[in-house]
Protein backbone atom coordinates (compact mmCIF):
# COMPACT_ATOMS: atom_id res chain seq x y z
CA MET A 1 7.19 74.74 21.79
CA ILE A 2 4.25 75.51 19.51
CA ARG A 3 6.38 74.74 16.46
CA TYR A 4 7.45 71.35 17.86
CA ALA A 5 3.90 70.42 18.79
CA PHE A 6 2.73 71.34 15.28
CA LEU A 7 5.45 69.21 13.68
CA ALA A 8 4.54 66.28 15.91
CA LEU A 9 0.91 66.51 14.89
CA MET A 10 1.87 66.74 11.21
CA SER A 11 4.06 63.62 11.53
CA ALA A 12 1.32 61.62 13.28
CA GLY A 13 -1.16 62.69 10.60
CA ALA A 14 1.18 61.58 7.83
CA VAL A 15 1.59 58.16 9.41
CA ALA A 16 -2.18 57.79 9.82
CA LEU A 17 -2.76 58.80 6.21
CA GLY A 18 -0.10 56.33 5.09
CA LEU A 19 -1.71 53.48 7.02
CA ALA A 20 -5.12 54.36 5.63
CA ALA A 21 -3.72 54.42 2.11
CA CYS A 22 -2.14 50.98 2.60
CA GLY A 23 -5.37 49.61 3.95
CA ASP A 24 -7.34 50.97 1.03
CA SER A 25 -4.99 49.40 -1.57
CA ALA A 26 -4.60 45.98 0.06
CA GLU A 27 -6.40 43.15 -1.72
CA GLU A 28 -7.32 39.74 -0.35
CA MET A 29 -4.75 37.17 -1.54
CA LEU A 30 -5.95 34.37 -3.80
CA CYS A 31 -3.34 31.89 -2.57
CA THR A 32 -0.28 31.52 -0.38
CA PRO A 33 2.98 32.24 -2.26
CA ALA A 34 4.85 29.05 -3.20
CA GLU A 35 1.73 26.92 -2.46
CA GLU A 36 1.31 24.09 -5.00
CA ILE A 37 -2.12 22.88 -6.08
CA TYR A 38 -3.31 20.17 -8.43
CA CYS A 39 -4.04 20.78 -12.12
CA ASN A 40 -4.82 18.70 -15.23
CA CYS A 41 -3.01 18.89 -18.57
CA GLN A 42 -5.44 19.52 -21.42
CA GLY A 43 -5.74 16.71 -23.96
CA THR A 44 -3.72 14.09 -22.09
CA ARG A 45 -5.58 14.62 -18.77
CA GLU A 46 -2.30 13.86 -17.04
CA PRO A 47 -1.97 15.27 -13.50
CA GLY A 48 0.28 18.21 -12.76
CA THR A 49 0.82 21.04 -10.31
CA LYS A 50 0.86 24.81 -10.48
CA THR A 51 2.55 27.17 -8.03
CA CYS A 52 1.18 30.32 -6.39
CA LEU A 53 3.27 33.32 -7.47
CA ASP A 54 4.93 35.76 -5.09
CA ASP A 55 2.11 38.29 -5.40
CA GLY A 56 -0.36 35.75 -3.99
CA MET A 57 -2.85 36.78 -6.66
CA SER A 58 -2.15 34.28 -9.44
CA PHE A 59 -0.68 30.90 -10.30
CA GLY A 60 2.12 29.92 -12.63
CA PRO A 61 1.58 27.51 -15.53
CA CYS A 62 0.40 23.93 -15.02
CA VAL A 63 3.42 21.60 -15.07
CA GLY A 64 2.80 17.94 -15.93
CA PRO A 65 5.12 14.92 -16.33
CA ASP A 66 6.38 16.33 -19.67
CA GLY A 67 6.73 19.94 -18.59
CA GLU A 68 4.42 22.95 -18.95
CA CYS A 69 1.01 22.23 -20.47
CA GLU A 70 -2.31 23.90 -21.23
CA GLU A 71 -4.49 23.53 -18.16
CA VAL A 72 -7.96 22.00 -18.09
CA SER A 73 -10.36 24.55 -16.58
CA SER A 74 -11.72 22.11 -13.95
CA THR A 75 -9.04 21.66 -11.31
CA THR A 76 -8.71 20.86 -7.68
CA SER A 77 -5.94 21.05 -5.12
CA THR A 78 -4.58 17.95 -3.42
CA GLY A 79 -6.62 18.86 -0.38
CA GLY A 80 -9.87 19.19 -2.32
CA ASP A 81 -10.19 23.04 -2.25
CA PRO A 82 -13.48 24.02 -3.93
CA GLN A 83 -13.33 25.09 -7.59
CA GLU A 84 -16.14 25.56 -10.10
CA CYS A 85 -16.64 22.28 -11.97
CA GLU A 86 -19.13 20.14 -13.85
CA PRO A 87 -21.44 18.38 -11.35
CA ASP A 88 -20.53 14.71 -10.74
CA SER A 89 -17.52 14.91 -13.06
CA VAL A 90 -14.54 12.83 -11.90
CA GLU A 91 -10.94 13.99 -12.06
CA PRO A 92 -7.65 12.30 -11.07
CA CYS A 93 -5.97 13.72 -7.97
CA THR A 94 -2.74 13.26 -6.07
CA CYS A 95 -2.62 12.62 -2.33
CA ASP A 96 -0.54 14.90 -0.19
CA ASP A 97 2.29 12.34 -0.22
CA GLY A 98 2.88 13.53 -3.80
CA THR A 99 2.87 10.04 -5.35
CA THR A 100 -0.37 8.19 -4.60
CA MET A 101 -3.05 8.75 -7.25
CA GLY A 102 -6.77 8.81 -6.55
CA GLU A 103 -10.00 10.33 -7.85
CA THR A 104 -12.05 13.33 -6.79
CA THR A 105 -15.68 14.02 -7.75
CA CYS A 106 -17.33 17.37 -8.36
CA GLU A 107 -20.16 18.12 -5.95
CA ALA A 108 -23.72 17.80 -7.26
CA ASP A 109 -24.17 21.58 -7.16
CA GLY A 110 -20.91 22.20 -9.01
CA SER A 111 -19.54 24.23 -6.11
CA GLY A 112 -16.26 22.30 -6.00
CA PHE A 113 -14.54 18.95 -5.80
CA GLY A 114 -14.76 16.56 -2.89
CA PRO A 115 -11.81 14.88 -1.16
CA CYS A 116 -9.21 12.83 -3.00
CA LEU A 117 -10.21 9.16 -2.66
CA VAL A 118 -8.06 6.03 -3.00
CA ASP A 119 -9.86 2.67 -3.15
CA GLY A 120 -13.01 4.39 -1.93
CA GLY A 121 -11.37 5.95 1.13
CA GLU A 122 -10.05 9.45 1.69
CA CYS A 123 -6.30 9.47 1.25
CA ALA A 124 -4.14 10.24 4.22
CA ALA A 125 -1.90 13.29 4.32
CA ALA A 126 1.03 10.94 3.71
CA GLY A 127 1.87 7.31 4.35
CA THR A 128 3.15 6.66 7.85
CA LEU A 129 3.11 2.85 8.19
CA GLY A 130 6.38 0.95 7.92
CA PHE A 131 7.48 -2.35 6.38
CA PHE A 132 5.11 -5.27 7.14
CA GLU A 133 2.74 -3.11 9.25
CA VAL A 134 -0.98 -3.89 8.79
CA CYS A 135 -2.67 -1.52 6.32
CA GLY A 136 -5.99 -0.96 4.58
CA ALA A 137 -4.90 1.14 1.59
CA ALA A 138 -1.72 1.85 -0.34
CA ASN A 139 -1.52 5.50 0.72
CA GLU A 140 -1.25 4.47 4.37
CA CYS A 141 2.19 2.96 3.71
CA LEU A 142 5.49 4.77 3.42
CA SER A 143 6.19 2.45 0.49
CA GLY A 144 2.84 3.19 -1.19
CA ASP A 145 2.15 -0.55 -1.53
CA CYS A 146 -0.40 -2.40 0.64
CA GLN A 147 -1.05 -6.16 0.38
CA GLY A 148 -2.83 -6.38 3.74
CA PHE A 149 0.50 -5.26 5.19
CA CYS A 150 2.87 -2.60 3.88
CA THR A 151 5.34 -4.08 1.43
CA ARG A 152 6.99 -3.38 -1.92
CA GLU A 153 7.54 -5.06 -5.26
CA CYS A 154 10.73 -7.10 -5.58
CA THR A 155 12.79 -9.30 -7.87
CA ASP A 156 14.56 -11.47 -5.26
CA TYR A 157 14.95 -11.88 -1.49
CA SER A 158 17.70 -9.24 -1.26
CA ASP A 159 15.08 -6.55 -1.99
CA CYS A 160 13.24 -7.57 1.19
CA GLN A 161 16.02 -7.22 3.76
CA GLU A 162 14.81 -4.11 5.57
CA SER A 163 17.17 -4.60 8.52
CA GLU A 164 18.93 -7.35 10.48
CA THR A 165 15.71 -8.02 12.39
CA LEU A 166 13.09 -7.11 9.75
CA PHE A 167 13.24 -9.17 6.58
CA GLY A 168 11.33 -11.55 4.33
CA ASP A 169 11.37 -13.14 0.89
CA CYS A 170 10.19 -12.23 -2.61
CA VAL A 171 6.88 -13.99 -3.32
CA ASP A 172 4.13 -14.05 -5.96
CA PHE A 173 0.75 -14.23 -4.19
CA GLY A 174 -0.91 -15.27 -7.45
CA SER A 175 -1.19 -12.00 -9.35
CA GLY A 176 1.99 -12.45 -11.36
CA THR A 177 3.80 -9.67 -9.47
CA LYS A 178 6.26 -10.45 -6.68
CA HIS A 179 6.10 -8.69 -3.30
CA CYS A 180 8.13 -8.91 -0.12
CA ALA A 181 6.52 -11.19 2.48
CA PRO A 182 7.46 -12.27 6.03
CA TYR A 183 8.45 -15.88 6.69
CA CYS A 184 6.20 -18.30 8.61
CA LEU A 185 5.87 -21.96 9.68
CA GLY A 186 2.17 -21.94 10.62
CA GLN A 187 -0.99 -19.87 10.43
CA GLU A 188 -0.41 -18.37 13.86
CA ASP A 189 2.80 -16.77 12.57
CA CYS A 190 0.77 -14.66 10.12
CA ALA A 191 -1.71 -13.22 12.66
CA PRO A 192 0.37 -10.02 13.15
CA TYR A 193 0.14 -9.25 9.42
CA GLY A 194 -3.61 -8.84 9.05
CA GLN A 195 -6.71 -10.90 8.35
CA THR A 196 -5.80 -11.64 4.72
CA ALA A 197 -2.34 -13.01 5.53
CA ILE A 198 -2.15 -16.80 4.99
CA CYS A 199 0.91 -18.96 5.66
CA SER A 200 1.66 -20.84 2.44
CA GLY A 201 4.55 -22.88 1.15
CA VAL A 202 6.48 -21.32 -1.74
CA GLU A 203 8.03 -23.23 -4.63
CA ASP A 204 11.65 -22.07 -4.77
CA PRO A 205 14.55 -24.39 -5.66
CA THR A 206 17.06 -22.10 -3.94
CA TRP A 207 15.34 -21.92 -0.53
CA ILE A 208 12.83 -24.02 1.43
CA PHE A 209 10.31 -21.73 3.10
CA ALA A 210 6.73 -20.57 3.63
CA ALA A 211 5.54 -16.96 3.74
CA CYS A 212 2.58 -14.83 4.84
CA GLY A 213 0.41 -13.05 2.31
CA PRO A 214 -2.95 -12.87 0.49
CA PHE A 215 -2.26 -16.04 -1.51
CA GLU A 216 -4.91 -16.85 -4.13
CA ALA A 217 -4.14 -20.60 -3.88
CA PRO A 218 -2.37 -21.32 -0.56
CA GLN A 219 -0.58 -24.63 -0.16
CA GLY A 220 1.48 -26.55 2.36
CA MET A 221 5.26 -26.87 2.39
CA PRO A 222 6.72 -27.76 -1.03
CA TYR A 223 6.54 -31.50 -1.74
CA GLY A 224 9.87 -33.11 -0.91
CA THR A 225 10.58 -30.89 2.12
CA LEU A 226 12.31 -33.13 4.70
CA CYS A 227 10.22 -33.66 7.81
CA GLU A 228 9.61 -35.68 10.99
CA PRO A 229 6.03 -36.48 12.12
CA ASP A 230 6.54 -36.86 15.88
CA PRO A 231 7.20 -34.29 17.08
CA PRO A 232 6.30 -32.38 13.90
CA GLN A 233 9.49 -30.90 12.45
CA LEU A 234 10.60 -29.46 9.14
CA LEU A 235 13.98 -28.83 7.57
CA VAL A 236 13.89 -25.37 6.00
CA GLY A 237 16.25 -22.80 4.52
CA ASN A 238 19.24 -23.67 2.35
CA PRO A 239 18.59 -27.08 0.70
CA ASP A 240 22.27 -27.94 1.14
CA ASP A 241 22.24 -27.09 4.84
CA PRO A 242 18.61 -26.94 6.10
CA GLN A 243 17.70 -25.89 9.63
CA ILE A 244 15.36 -27.83 11.94
CA GLU A 245 12.15 -25.95 12.78
CA ALA A 246 8.93 -27.04 14.49
CA GLY A 247 6.08 -27.30 11.99
CA ASP A 248 3.74 -29.51 9.94
CA CYS A 249 3.79 -30.03 6.20
CA HIS A 250 0.22 -28.72 5.86
CA LEU A 251 1.04 -25.51 7.79
CA GLY A 252 -2.36 -25.61 9.50
CA LEU A 253 -4.34 -25.36 6.27
CA ALA A 254 -7.47 -27.53 6.33
CA GLY A 255 -8.10 -29.45 3.13
CA VAL A 256 -4.49 -29.32 2.00
CA GLN A 257 -3.35 -32.79 0.96
CA ASN A 258 0.18 -32.45 2.28
CA VAL A 259 1.52 -34.59 5.13
CA CYS A 260 4.83 -36.04 6.30
CA VAL A 261 5.27 -39.47 4.70
CA PHE A 262 8.50 -41.47 4.82
CA GLY A 263 10.50 -38.44 5.93
CA GLU A 264 9.25 -35.85 3.44
CA CYS A 265 6.22 -33.66 2.76
CA SER A 266 4.08 -35.55 0.29
CA LYS A 267 0.73 -35.46 -1.47
CA ALA A 268 -1.01 -37.86 0.89
CA CYS A 269 -3.43 -37.87 3.81
CA TYR A 270 -4.03 -39.47 7.21
CA GLU A 271 -7.36 -37.84 8.09
CA ASP A 272 -10.41 -36.62 6.20
CA ILE A 273 -9.51 -33.03 7.15
CA ASP A 274 -6.39 -33.42 5.01
CA CYS A 275 -8.58 -33.62 1.88
CA PRO A 276 -10.61 -30.83 0.23
CA ALA A 277 -13.66 -33.16 0.08
CA ASN A 278 -13.02 -34.83 3.48
CA ASP A 279 -12.53 -38.27 1.88
CA CYS A 280 -9.15 -39.66 2.92
CA SER A 281 -8.67 -43.38 2.24
CA SER A 282 -6.22 -43.81 5.14
CA ASP A 283 -7.00 -45.94 8.19
CA GLY A 284 -5.21 -43.34 10.29
CA MET A 285 -2.05 -45.45 10.57
CA THR A 286 -0.81 -45.72 6.99
CA PRO A 287 -0.92 -42.82 4.51
CA GLY A 288 -3.75 -42.73 2.00
CA CYS A 289 -5.04 -40.48 -0.74
CA CYS A 290 -8.08 -38.31 -1.28
CA LEU A 291 -10.75 -40.40 -3.02
CA SER A 292 -11.93 -37.38 -5.00
CA ASP A 293 -8.44 -37.01 -6.49
CA PRO A 294 -8.29 -38.67 -9.96
CA ASP A 295 -4.76 -39.88 -9.12
CA CYS A 296 -5.92 -41.68 -5.95
CA GLN A 297 -5.45 -45.46 -6.29
């Protein structure tokens, strides 16, 4: 019995010594294995990432768009983890969605970088808003493209058919780049798409339509669109087989010289409100023109 008790005590002591030894040799980990943080490629300043190694005590090389690169000493993770840096210096950063680019600024005391900002606002963890949902910044959208509502660049209408019930057309709002936009027939139709969404006619020989968006120069329905004044109706869609829809040529835009005259949307006016300078020559019964327009006779 004494022998067994002695052996038991020896075993317990060995375990205790082993645990103590492990505790003494353990070091605090620098990072979580497989964690990726942001880095900058030296010279090009292009963004990249580096990965925490299995030992949790070091990172692998910085990997940019063209492969491994020499890393700039001032770096920050996508979440803005503090690193030593030059006070007030600005570095590019990538939001947690992995695609949206922003900027992060070193704190005034050089203790580390602040959050990653996109258009002046802190970027979200990842875009969550769907097609045509109202947005305030690109990183809020799953598509990474915000024009007052989440959208995407396009080349023709087929790029904008999200589903059988969610679709639009390919439109240039005035910037020279085309984006998907929802259809409309009046200003009230654009209310669900944000404060910057305006219903404007779109010049397109293959389709007669108006769309919602942040148009730089909104206009009424394209001149020549077939219409009826009472009740207000428009023929829209395929020019060879247009569909009857309720709507006015001016689409509810004040100052747009575009009314239904002799069965089609025309550059004319009936009321002062139809003219940008409130100077319609009409008597209210027959169509007139805006006196401030050089073509008005």
